[in-house]
Amino acid sequence: MTLKKITAVFLVFLAAVVLAACGKKGASSQDNWKKFESKKTVTIGFDNTFVPMGFKDKNGKNTGFDIDLANAVFAEYGIKVKWQPINWDLKETELRNGKIDLIWNGYSKTKERARKVAFTKPYMKNDQVLVTKKTSGIKSFSDMKGKALGAQSGSSGYDAFTANPKVLKDIVKDKDATQYETFTQAFIDLKNDRIDGLLIDRVYANYYLKQENELNNYNIIKGKYASENFSVGIRKSDKTLVKKVNQAFKKLYQTGKFQEISKKWFGQDVATNEIKK
């Protein structure tokens, strides 16, 4: 190959790299609402094992409270949701790279996350709880001294665990938790005594144990971690998208659709005061 041809090939390759980089940068540096309206589609990243917020059922269908709520929100604008399962530990990276447009799956608003993404109004409250077997005799956080703890990698529970070491971190075995990609994997280890306790979202623990008919065999222990707010994570540049989701939340509550979805999954209205206003 001549030098001229080599140079030409290199320039084509370089142009492709630049265009790809610009595409990713463009998604994260501009307001994309008009694009969503034009394509009539938006991509939401979620953990498809997080019951009852967003998960894959036995028939392979995406279902859950957040699935129903998000679909209802974007139906207000004639936009269809494409659900994209993601590694929860990489959620902000996927958002920044433009592979997804929103993080919506029991996503707790925290100060650390707020530095990376924009948040909608909180739509539901949640707590981090410790789940233990009743046969273990562990009935409080203090009973976890020297015991093995599990948590989901990248979860708000693990963030709270590391940010507030005096609550639990300083007393558990190895002063750290075994990290799992999904809570389902963690529950398997808890059931088989490979860990002694699991730090987990209250909504997940209640729903999972109820579905497995195991509520009577486990303790769900509330500790000293502050309550959390579930919100939708959006790129900071997508200001219109944040505004549109908030407007849809308000309308869905006014029409009763929010309450309908809420009662379907939880048997009660779980909306925050910010949504009810």
C-alpha atoms as a PDB file:
ATOM      1  CA  MET A   1       0.000   0.000   0.000  1.00  0.00           C
ATOM      2  CA  THR A   2       1.370   3.404  -0.949  1.00  0.00           C
ATOM      3  CA  LEU A   3       1.954   6.175   1.564  1.00  0.00           C
ATOM      4  CA  LYS A   4      -0.880   8.117  -0.036  1.00  0.00           C
ATOM      5  CA  LYS A   5      -3.341   5.239   0.465  1.00  0.00           C
ATOM      6  CA  ILE A   6      -2.170   4.682   4.040  1.00  0.00           C
ATOM      7  CA  THR A   7      -2.722   8.359   4.784  1.00  0.00           C
ATOM      8  CA  ALA A   8      -6.193   8.240   3.242  1.00  0.00           C
ATOM      9  CA  VAL A   9      -7.199   5.187   5.297  1.00  0.00           C
ATOM     10  CA  PHE A  10      -5.875   6.808   8.463  1.00  0.00           C
ATOM     11  CA  LEU A  11      -7.849  10.005   7.802  1.00  0.00           C
ATOM     12  CA  VAL A  12     -11.077   8.023   7.271  1.00  0.00           C
ATOM     13  CA  PHE A  13     -10.465   6.146  10.526  1.00  0.00           C
ATOM     14  CA  LEU A  14      -9.711   9.385  12.388  1.00  0.00           C
ATOM     15  CA  ALA A  15     -12.871  11.003  11.046  1.00  0.00           C
ATOM     16  CA  ALA A  16     -14.956   8.043  12.242  1.00  0.00           C
ATOM     17  CA  VAL A  17     -13.466   8.277  15.721  1.00  0.00           C
ATOM     18  CA  VAL A  18     -14.106  12.019  15.881  1.00  0.00           C
ATOM     19  CA  LEU A  19     -17.700  11.629  14.706  1.00  0.00           C
ATOM     20  CA  ALA A  20     -18.361   8.904  17.291  1.00  0.00           C
ATOM     21  CA  ALA A  21     -16.880  11.050  20.046  1.00  0.00           C
ATOM     22  CA  CYS A  22     -18.904  14.053  18.936  1.00  0.00           C
ATOM     23  CA  GLY A  23     -22.067  11.964  18.934  1.00  0.00           C
ATOM     24  CA  LYS A  24     -21.526  10.913  22.533  1.00  0.00           C
ATOM     25  CA  LYS A  25     -20.536  14.409  23.585  1.00  0.00           C
ATOM     26  CA  GLY A  26     -23.550  15.868  21.794  1.00  0.00           C
ATOM     27  CA  ALA A  27     -25.995  13.646  23.694  1.00  0.00           C
ATOM     28  CA  SER A  28     -24.550  14.748  27.018  1.00  0.00           C
ATOM     29  CA  SER A  29     -24.085  18.430  26.254  1.00  0.00           C
ATOM     30  CA  GLN A  30     -27.360  19.455  24.634  1.00  0.00           C
ATOM     31  CA  ASP A  31     -31.074  19.534  25.335  1.00  0.00           C
ATOM     32  CA  ASN A  32     -32.446  16.520  23.461  1.00  0.00           C
ATOM     33  CA  TRP A  33     -36.209  17.029  23.907  1.00  0.00           C
ATOM     34  CA  LYS A  34     -36.890  17.885  20.241  1.00  0.00           C
ATOM     35  CA  LYS A  35     -35.060  14.709  19.240  1.00  0.00           C
ATOM     36  CA  PHE A  36     -37.242  12.633  21.573  1.00  0.00           C
ATOM     37  CA  GLU A  37     -40.374  14.269  20.162  1.00  0.00           C
ATOM     38  CA  SER A  38     -39.229  13.692  16.588  1.00  0.00           C
ATOM     39  CA  LYS A  39     -38.210  10.049  17.047  1.00  0.00           C
ATOM     40  CA  LYS A  40     -41.110   9.433  19.446  1.00  0.00           C
ATOM     41  CA  THR A  41     -38.890   7.218  21.559  1.00  0.00           C
ATOM     42  CA  VAL A  42     -36.749   7.528  24.670  1.00  0.00           C
ATOM     43  CA  THR A  43     -34.441   4.974  26.304  1.00  0.00           C
ATOM     44  CA  ILE A  44     -34.614   4.261  30.025  1.00  0.00           C
ATOM     45  CA  GLY A  45     -31.905   2.303  31.834  1.00  0.00           C
ATOM     46  CA  PHE A  46     -33.033  -0.026  34.638  1.00  0.00           C
ATOM     47  CA  ASP A  47     -32.054  -3.034  36.723  1.00  0.00           C
ATOM     48  CA  ASN A  48     -34.425  -5.722  35.456  1.00  0.00           C
ATOM     49  CA  THR A  49     -34.282  -7.658  38.742  1.00  0.00           C
ATOM     50  CA  PHE A  50     -35.410  -4.842  41.054  1.00  0.00           C
ATOM     51  CA  VAL A  51     -38.866  -5.914  42.212  1.00  0.00           C
ATOM     52  CA  PRO A  52     -41.383  -4.359  42.378  1.00  0.00           C
ATOM     53  CA  MET A  53     -40.024  -1.212  40.693  1.00  0.00           C
ATOM     54  CA  GLY A  54     -38.842  -2.622  37.368  1.00  0.00           C
ATOM     55  CA  PHE A  55     -38.149  -6.272  36.578  1.00  0.00           C
ATOM     56  CA  LYS A  56     -38.582  -9.061  34.058  1.00  0.00           C
ATOM     57  CA  ASP A  57     -41.484 -11.362  34.917  1.00  0.00           C
ATOM     58  CA  LYS A  58     -41.706 -15.111  34.314  1.00  0.00           C
ATOM     59  CA  ASN A  59     -42.890 -14.507  30.764  1.00  0.00           C
ATOM     60  CA  GLY A  60     -39.924 -12.251  29.973  1.00  0.00           C
ATOM     61  CA  LYS A  61     -42.011  -9.065  30.038  1.00  0.00           C
ATOM     62  CA  ASN A  62     -40.732  -5.885  31.679  1.00  0.00           C
ATOM     63  CA  THR A  63     -43.100  -4.959  34.473  1.00  0.00           C
ATOM     64  CA  GLY A  64     -43.261  -3.071  37.773  1.00  0.00           C
ATOM     65  CA  PHE A  65     -44.295   0.211  39.359  1.00  0.00           C
ATOM     66  CA  ASP A  66     -41.630   2.299  37.629  1.00  0.00           C
ATOM     67  CA  ILE A  67     -42.335   0.590  34.287  1.00  0.00           C
ATOM     68  CA  ASP A  68     -46.023   1.493  34.482  1.00  0.00           C
ATOM     69  CA  LEU A  69     -45.332   5.007  35.746  1.00  0.00           C
ATOM     70  CA  ALA A  70     -42.700   5.854  33.122  1.00  0.00           C
ATOM     71  CA  ASN A  71     -44.842   4.467  30.307  1.00  0.00           C
ATOM     72  CA  ALA A  72     -47.745   6.617  31.527  1.00  0.00           C
ATOM     73  CA  VAL A  73     -45.523   9.713  31.757  1.00  0.00           C
ATOM     74  CA  PHE A  74     -44.280   9.463  28.180  1.00  0.00           C
ATOM     75  CA  ALA A  75     -47.694   8.455  26.837  1.00  0.00           C
ATOM     76  CA  GLU A  76     -48.677  12.026  27.732  1.00  0.00           C
ATOM     77  CA  TYR A  77     -46.295  13.180  24.991  1.00  0.00           C
ATOM     78  CA  GLY A  78     -46.880  10.408  22.467  1.00  0.00           C
ATOM     79  CA  ILE A  79     -43.408   8.983  23.162  1.00  0.00           C
ATOM     80  CA  LYS A  80     -42.684   5.259  23.507  1.00  0.00           C
ATOM     81  CA  VAL A  81     -40.228   3.988  26.109  1.00  0.00           C
ATOM     82  CA  LYS A  82     -37.441   1.610  25.152  1.00  0.00           C
ATOM     83  CA  TRP A  83     -36.393  -0.272  28.278  1.00  0.00           C
ATOM     84  CA  GLN A  84     -32.663  -1.010  28.463  1.00  0.00           C
ATOM     85  CA  PRO A  85     -31.367  -3.400  31.169  1.00  0.00           C
ATOM     86  CA  ILE A  86     -28.048  -2.101  32.532  1.00  0.00           C
ATOM     87  CA  ASN A  87     -25.374  -2.944  35.047  1.00  0.00           C
ATOM     88  CA  TRP A  88     -26.553  -0.799  37.971  1.00  0.00           C
ATOM     89  CA  ASP A  89     -22.972  -0.052  38.965  1.00  0.00           C
ATOM     90  CA  LEU A  90     -22.452   1.713  35.601  1.00  0.00           C
ATOM     91  CA  LYS A  91     -25.751   3.620  35.410  1.00  0.00           C
ATOM     92  CA  GLU A  92     -24.325   7.163  35.429  1.00  0.00           C
ATOM     93  CA  THR A  93     -21.683   6.171  32.872  1.00  0.00           C
ATOM     94  CA  GLU A  94     -24.352   4.774  30.541  1.00  0.00           C
ATOM     95  CA  LEU A  95     -26.319   8.014  30.908  1.00  0.00           C
ATOM     96  CA  ARG A  96     -23.298  10.207  30.247  1.00  0.00           C
ATOM     97  CA  ASN A  97     -22.307   8.177  27.187  1.00  0.00           C
ATOM     98  CA  GLY A  98     -25.758   8.531  25.652  1.00  0.00           C
ATOM     99  CA  LYS A  99     -26.598   4.828  25.729  1.00  0.00           C
ATOM    100  CA  ILE A 100     -29.645   5.649  27.861  1.00  0.00           C
ATOM    101  CA  ASP A 101     -31.609   8.879  28.333  1.00  0.00           C
ATOM    102  CA  LEU A 102     -32.907   8.380  31.872  1.00  0.00           C
ATOM    103  CA  ILE A 103     -32.147   6.295  34.962  1.00  0.00           C
ATOM    104  CA  TRP A 104     -35.511   5.196  36.310  1.00  0.00           C
ATOM    105  CA  ASN A 105     -35.709   2.216  38.639  1.00  0.00           C
ATOM    106  CA  GLY A 106     -35.902   2.955  42.351  1.00  0.00           C
ATOM    107  CA  TYR A 107     -33.081   5.475  41.871  1.00  0.00           C
ATOM    108  CA  SER A 108     -32.480   7.307  45.155  1.00  0.00           C
ATOM    109  CA  LYS A 109     -31.510  10.965  45.098  1.00  0.00           C
ATOM    110  CA  THR A 110     -28.216  11.548  46.926  1.00  0.00           C
ATOM    111  CA  LYS A 111     -25.742  14.433  47.103  1.00  0.00           C
ATOM    112  CA  GLU A 112     -23.075  12.360  45.383  1.00  0.00           C
ATOM    113  CA  ARG A 113     -25.357  11.433  42.492  1.00  0.00           C
ATOM    114  CA  ALA A 114     -26.629  15.007  42.188  1.00  0.00           C
ATOM    115  CA  ARG A 115     -23.119  16.032  41.185  1.00  0.00           C
ATOM    116  CA  LYS A 116     -23.395  13.741  38.165  1.00  0.00           C
ATOM    117  CA  VAL A 117     -27.037  13.960  37.086  1.00  0.00           C
ATOM    118  CA  ALA A 118     -30.117  16.165  37.258  1.00  0.00           C
ATOM    119  CA  PHE A 119     -33.084  14.862  39.229  1.00  0.00           C
ATOM    120  CA  THR A 120     -36.825  15.194  38.778  1.00  0.00           C
ATOM    121  CA  LYS A 121     -39.078  15.863  41.726  1.00  0.00           C
ATOM    122  CA  PRO A 122     -39.054  12.880  44.110  1.00  0.00           C
ATOM    123  CA  TYR A 123     -42.075  10.663  43.553  1.00  0.00           C
ATOM    124  CA  MET A 124     -41.729   8.052  46.325  1.00  0.00           C
ATOM    125  CA  LYS A 125     -39.956   7.561  49.646  1.00  0.00           C
ATOM    126  CA  ASN A 126     -37.834   4.576  50.619  1.00  0.00           C
ATOM    127  CA  ASP A 127     -35.666   3.302  53.481  1.00  0.00           C
ATOM    128  CA  GLN A 128     -32.595   1.108  53.680  1.00  0.00           C
ATOM    129  CA  VAL A 129     -33.280  -1.888  55.912  1.00  0.00           C
ATOM    130  CA  LEU A 130     -31.340  -4.869  57.206  1.00  0.00           C
ATOM    131  CA  VAL A 131     -32.842  -8.267  56.374  1.00  0.00           C
ATOM    132  CA  THR A 132     -31.842 -11.264  58.481  1.00  0.00           C
ATOM    133  CA  LYS A 133     -33.110 -14.763  59.092  1.00  0.00           C
ATOM    134  CA  LYS A 134     -35.180 -15.044  62.259  1.00  0.00           C
ATOM    135  CA  THR A 135     -33.234 -18.181  63.121  1.00  0.00           C
ATOM    136  CA  SER A 136     -30.014 -16.108  63.179  1.00  0.00           C
ATOM    137  CA  GLY A 137     -31.044 -14.205  66.298  1.00  0.00           C
ATOM    138  CA  ILE A 138     -29.999 -10.915  64.625  1.00  0.00           C
ATOM    139  CA  LYS A 139     -32.718  -8.405  65.526  1.00  0.00           C
ATOM    140  CA  SER A 140     -30.849  -5.099  65.354  1.00  0.00           C
ATOM    141  CA  PHE A 141     -27.972  -3.405  63.559  1.00  0.00           C
ATOM    142  CA  SER A 142     -25.779  -3.860  66.637  1.00  0.00           C
ATOM    143  CA  ASP A 143     -26.322  -7.631  66.456  1.00  0.00           C
ATOM    144  CA  MET A 144     -24.345  -7.601  63.186  1.00  0.00           C
ATOM    145  CA  LYS A 145     -21.065  -7.213  65.077  1.00  0.00           C
ATOM    146  CA  GLY A 146     -18.540  -9.540  63.457  1.00  0.00           C
ATOM    147  CA  LYS A 147     -21.162 -10.830  61.019  1.00  0.00           C
ATOM    148  CA  ALA A 148     -21.054 -10.981  57.218  1.00  0.00           C
ATOM    149  CA  LEU A 149     -23.110  -8.346  55.410  1.00  0.00           C
ATOM    150  CA  GLY A 150     -24.253  -8.198  51.790  1.00  0.00           C
ATOM    151  CA  ALA A 151     -25.284  -5.225  49.621  1.00  0.00           C
ATOM    152  CA  GLN A 152     -25.833  -4.412  45.963  1.00  0.00           C
ATOM    153  CA  SER A 153     -22.879  -2.845  44.186  1.00  0.00           C
ATOM    154  CA  GLY A 154     -23.583   0.769  43.225  1.00  0.00           C
ATOM    155  CA  SER A 155     -26.738   0.931  45.327  1.00  0.00           C
ATOM    156  CA  SER A 156     -27.747   3.828  47.552  1.00  0.00           C
ATOM    157  CA  GLY A 157     -27.681   1.348  50.420  1.00  0.00           C
ATOM    158  CA  TYR A 158     -23.994   0.655  49.891  1.00  0.00           C
ATOM    159  CA  ASP A 159     -23.372   4.404  49.523  1.00  0.00           C
ATOM    160  CA  ALA A 160     -25.066   5.013  52.881  1.00  0.00           C
ATOM    161  CA  PHE A 161     -23.123   2.117  54.394  1.00  0.00           C
ATOM    162  CA  THR A 162     -19.772   3.661  53.416  1.00  0.00           C
ATOM    163  CA  ALA A 163     -20.766   7.262  54.158  1.00  0.00           C
ATOM    164  CA  ASN A 164     -21.990   6.477  57.692  1.00  0.00           C
ATOM    165  CA  PRO A 165     -19.475   3.921  59.006  1.00  0.00           C
ATOM    166  CA  LYS A 166     -20.570   4.196  62.651  1.00  0.00           C
ATOM    167  CA  VAL A 167     -24.042   2.861  61.813  1.00  0.00           C
ATOM    168  CA  LEU A 168     -22.946  -0.533  60.494  1.00  0.00           C
ATOM    169  CA  LYS A 169     -19.639  -0.539  58.607  1.00  0.00           C
ATOM    170  CA  ASP A 170     -17.384  -0.349  61.659  1.00  0.00           C
ATOM    171  CA  ILE A 171     -18.906  -3.435  63.278  1.00  0.00           C
ATOM    172  CA  VAL A 172     -19.457  -5.959  60.471  1.00  0.00           C
ATOM    173  CA  LYS A 173     -16.970  -8.605  59.405  1.00  0.00           C
ATOM    174  CA  ASP A 174     -13.974  -7.145  57.532  1.00  0.00           C
ATOM    175  CA  LYS A 175     -15.580  -3.704  57.923  1.00  0.00           C
ATOM    176  CA  ASP A 176     -17.128  -4.079  54.486  1.00  0.00           C
ATOM    177  CA  ALA A 177     -19.997  -5.780  52.680  1.00  0.00           C
ATOM    178  CA  THR A 178     -19.955  -8.507  50.064  1.00  0.00           C
ATOM    179  CA  GLN A 179     -21.171  -6.743  46.927  1.00  0.00           C
ATOM    180  CA  TYR A 180     -23.632  -8.307  44.497  1.00  0.00           C
ATOM    181  CA  GLU A 181     -24.706  -7.285  41.031  1.00  0.00           C
ATOM    182  CA  THR A 182     -28.362  -7.951  41.936  1.00  0.00           C
ATOM    183  CA  PHE A 183     -30.371  -8.295  45.130  1.00  0.00           C
ATOM    184  CA  THR A 184     -31.653 -11.649  43.871  1.00  0.00           C
ATOM    185  CA  GLN A 185     -28.110 -13.050  44.040  1.00  0.00           C
ATOM    186  CA  ALA A 186     -27.707 -11.578  47.521  1.00  0.00           C
ATOM    187  CA  PHE A 187     -30.927 -13.186  48.771  1.00  0.00           C
ATOM    188  CA  ILE A 188     -29.712 -16.582  47.562  1.00  0.00           C
ATOM    189  CA  ASP A 189     -26.562 -16.195  49.665  1.00  0.00           C
ATOM    190  CA  LEU A 190     -28.578 -14.982  52.659  1.00  0.00           C
ATOM    191  CA  LYS A 191     -30.894 -17.970  52.396  1.00  0.00           C
ATOM    192  CA  ASN A 192     -27.911 -20.319  52.241  1.00  0.00           C
ATOM    193  CA  ASP A 193     -26.116 -18.653  55.188  1.00  0.00           C
ATOM    194  CA  ARG A 194     -23.202 -17.339  53.140  1.00  0.00           C
ATOM    195  CA  ILE A 195     -23.996 -13.901  54.570  1.00  0.00           C
ATOM    196  CA  ASP A 196     -25.751 -13.071  57.840  1.00  0.00           C
ATOM    197  CA  GLY A 197     -27.557  -9.894  56.828  1.00  0.00           C
ATOM    198  CA  LEU A 198     -28.511  -7.971  53.704  1.00  0.00           C
ATOM    199  CA  LEU A 199     -28.696  -4.188  53.436  1.00  0.00           C
ATOM    200  CA  ILE A 200     -31.475  -3.536  50.964  1.00  0.00           C
ATOM    201  CA  ASP A 201     -34.284  -1.201  49.875  1.00  0.00           C
ATOM    202  CA  ARG A 202     -37.412  -1.642  51.968  1.00  0.00           C
ATOM    203  CA  VAL A 203     -39.687  -1.815  48.913  1.00  0.00           C
ATOM    204  CA  TYR A 204     -37.629  -4.659  47.432  1.00  0.00           C
ATOM    205  CA  ALA A 205     -37.436  -6.608  50.695  1.00  0.00           C
ATOM    206  CA  ASN A 206     -41.171  -6.407  51.381  1.00  0.00           C
ATOM    207  CA  TYR A 207     -42.197  -7.373  47.865  1.00  0.00           C
ATOM    208  CA  TYR A 208     -39.622 -10.138  47.362  1.00  0.00           C
ATOM    209  CA  LEU A 209     -40.268 -11.871  50.667  1.00  0.00           C
ATOM    210  CA  LYS A 210     -44.025 -11.623  50.201  1.00  0.00           C
ATOM    211  CA  GLN A 211     -43.816 -13.175  46.730  1.00  0.00           C
ATOM    212  CA  GLU A 212     -41.603 -15.966  48.081  1.00  0.00           C
ATOM    213  CA  ASN A 213     -43.949 -16.545  51.056  1.00  0.00           C
ATOM    214  CA  GLU A 214     -40.984 -15.915  53.344  1.00  0.00           C
ATOM    215  CA  LEU A 215     -42.108 -12.845  55.305  1.00  0.00           C
ATOM    216  CA  ASN A 216     -42.550 -14.896  58.484  1.00  0.00           C
ATOM    217  CA  ASN A 217     -39.018 -16.304  58.249  1.00  0.00           C
ATOM    218  CA  TYR A 218     -37.080 -13.030  58.040  1.00  0.00           C
ATOM    219  CA  ASN A 219     -36.597  -9.852  60.056  1.00  0.00           C
ATOM    220  CA  ILE A 220     -36.829  -6.484  58.267  1.00  0.00           C
ATOM    221  CA  ILE A 221     -34.933  -4.077  60.520  1.00  0.00           C
ATOM    222  CA  LYS A 222     -34.969  -0.296  60.210  1.00  0.00           C
ATOM    223  CA  GLY A 223     -31.718   1.370  61.218  1.00  0.00           C
ATOM    224  CA  LYS A 224     -30.379   4.909  61.540  1.00  0.00           C
ATOM    225  CA  TYR A 225     -29.931   5.683  57.860  1.00  0.00           C
ATOM    226  CA  ALA A 226     -31.967   8.649  56.663  1.00  0.00           C
ATOM    227  CA  SER A 227     -35.013   7.994  54.501  1.00  0.00           C
ATOM    228  CA  GLU A 228     -34.454   8.372  50.764  1.00  0.00           C
ATOM    229  CA  ASN A 229     -36.406   9.787  47.850  1.00  0.00           C
ATOM    230  CA  PHE A 230     -36.824   7.903  44.597  1.00  0.00           C
ATOM    231  CA  SER A 231     -36.342  10.280  41.658  1.00  0.00           C
ATOM    232  CA  VAL A 232     -35.564  10.028  37.961  1.00  0.00           C
ATOM    233  CA  GLY A 233     -31.953  10.665  36.914  1.00  0.00           C
ATOM    234  CA  ILE A 234     -31.443  12.720  33.748  1.00  0.00           C
ATOM    235  CA  ARG A 235     -28.458  14.355  32.042  1.00  0.00           C
ATOM    236  CA  LYS A 236     -27.944  17.886  33.335  1.00  0.00           C
ATOM    237  CA  SER A 237     -28.193  19.241  29.778  1.00  0.00           C
ATOM    238  CA  ASP A 238     -31.692  17.777  29.324  1.00  0.00           C
ATOM    239  CA  LYS A 239     -33.480  20.552  31.210  1.00  0.00           C
ATOM    240  CA  THR A 240     -36.651  20.257  29.113  1.00  0.00           C
ATOM    241  CA  LEU A 241     -36.872  16.526  29.793  1.00  0.00           C
ATOM    242  CA  VAL A 242     -36.733  17.157  33.555  1.00  0.00           C
ATOM    243  CA  LYS A 243     -39.482  19.751  33.195  1.00  0.00           C
ATOM    244  CA  LYS A 244     -41.686  17.479  31.069  1.00  0.00           C
ATOM    245  CA  VAL A 245     -41.427  14.532  33.473  1.00  0.00           C
ATOM    246  CA  ASN A 246     -42.321  16.779  36.414  1.00  0.00           C
ATOM    247  CA  GLN A 247     -45.314  18.175  34.538  1.00  0.00           C
ATOM    248  CA  ALA A 248     -46.507  14.672  33.683  1.00  0.00           C
ATOM    249  CA  PHE A 249     -46.170  13.576  37.320  1.00  0.00           C
ATOM    250  CA  LYS A 250     -48.470  16.409  38.362  1.00  0.00           C
ATOM    251  CA  LYS A 251     -51.029  15.684  35.641  1.00  0.00           C
ATOM    252  CA  LEU A 252     -51.068  11.937  36.342  1.00  0.00           C
ATOM    253  CA  TYR A 253     -51.745  12.634  40.002  1.00  0.00           C
ATOM    254  CA  GLN A 254     -54.504  15.117  39.196  1.00  0.00           C
ATOM    255  CA  THR A 255     -56.226  12.591  36.924  1.00  0.00           C
ATOM    256  CA  GLY A 256     -55.798   9.736  39.417  1.00  0.00           C
ATOM    257  CA  LYS A 257     -53.580   7.636  37.145  1.00  0.00           C
ATOM    258  CA  PHE A 258     -50.616   7.877  39.545  1.00  0.00           C
ATOM    259  CA  GLN A 259     -52.761   6.598  42.406  1.00  0.00           C
ATOM    260  CA  GLU A 260     -54.089   3.785  40.224  1.00  0.00           C
ATOM    261  CA  ILE A 261     -50.575   2.562  39.427  1.00  0.00           C
ATOM    262  CA  SER A 262     -49.494   2.994  43.048  1.00  0.00           C
ATOM    263  CA  LYS A 263     -52.365   0.953  44.461  1.00  0.00           C
ATOM    264  CA  LYS A 264     -51.773  -1.779  41.878  1.00  0.00           C
ATOM    265  CA  TRP A 265     -48.249  -2.388  43.218  1.00  0.00           C
ATOM    266  CA  PHE A 266     -48.377  -1.272  46.849  1.00  0.00           C
ATOM    267  CA  GLY A 267     -52.033  -1.220  47.834  1.00  0.00           C
ATOM    268  CA  GLN A 268     -51.781   2.456  48.777  1.00  0.00           C
ATOM    269  CA  ASP A 269     -50.914   5.919  47.482  1.00  0.00           C
ATOM    270  CA  VAL A 270     -47.108   6.266  47.760  1.00  0.00           C
ATOM    271  CA  ALA A 271     -46.803   9.675  46.084  1.00  0.00           C
ATOM    272  CA  THR A 272     -44.643  12.301  47.800  1.00  0.00           C
ATOM    273  CA  ASN A 273     -46.005  15.704  48.760  1.00  0.00           C
ATOM    274  CA  GLU A 274     -44.017  17.199  45.875  1.00  0.00           C
ATOM    275  CA  ILE A 275     -46.144  15.183  43.448  1.00  0.00           C
ATOM    276  CA  LYS A 276     -49.431  15.911  45.204  1.00  0.00           C
ATOM    277  CA  LYS A 277     -49.005  19.700  45.073  1.00  0.00           C
END
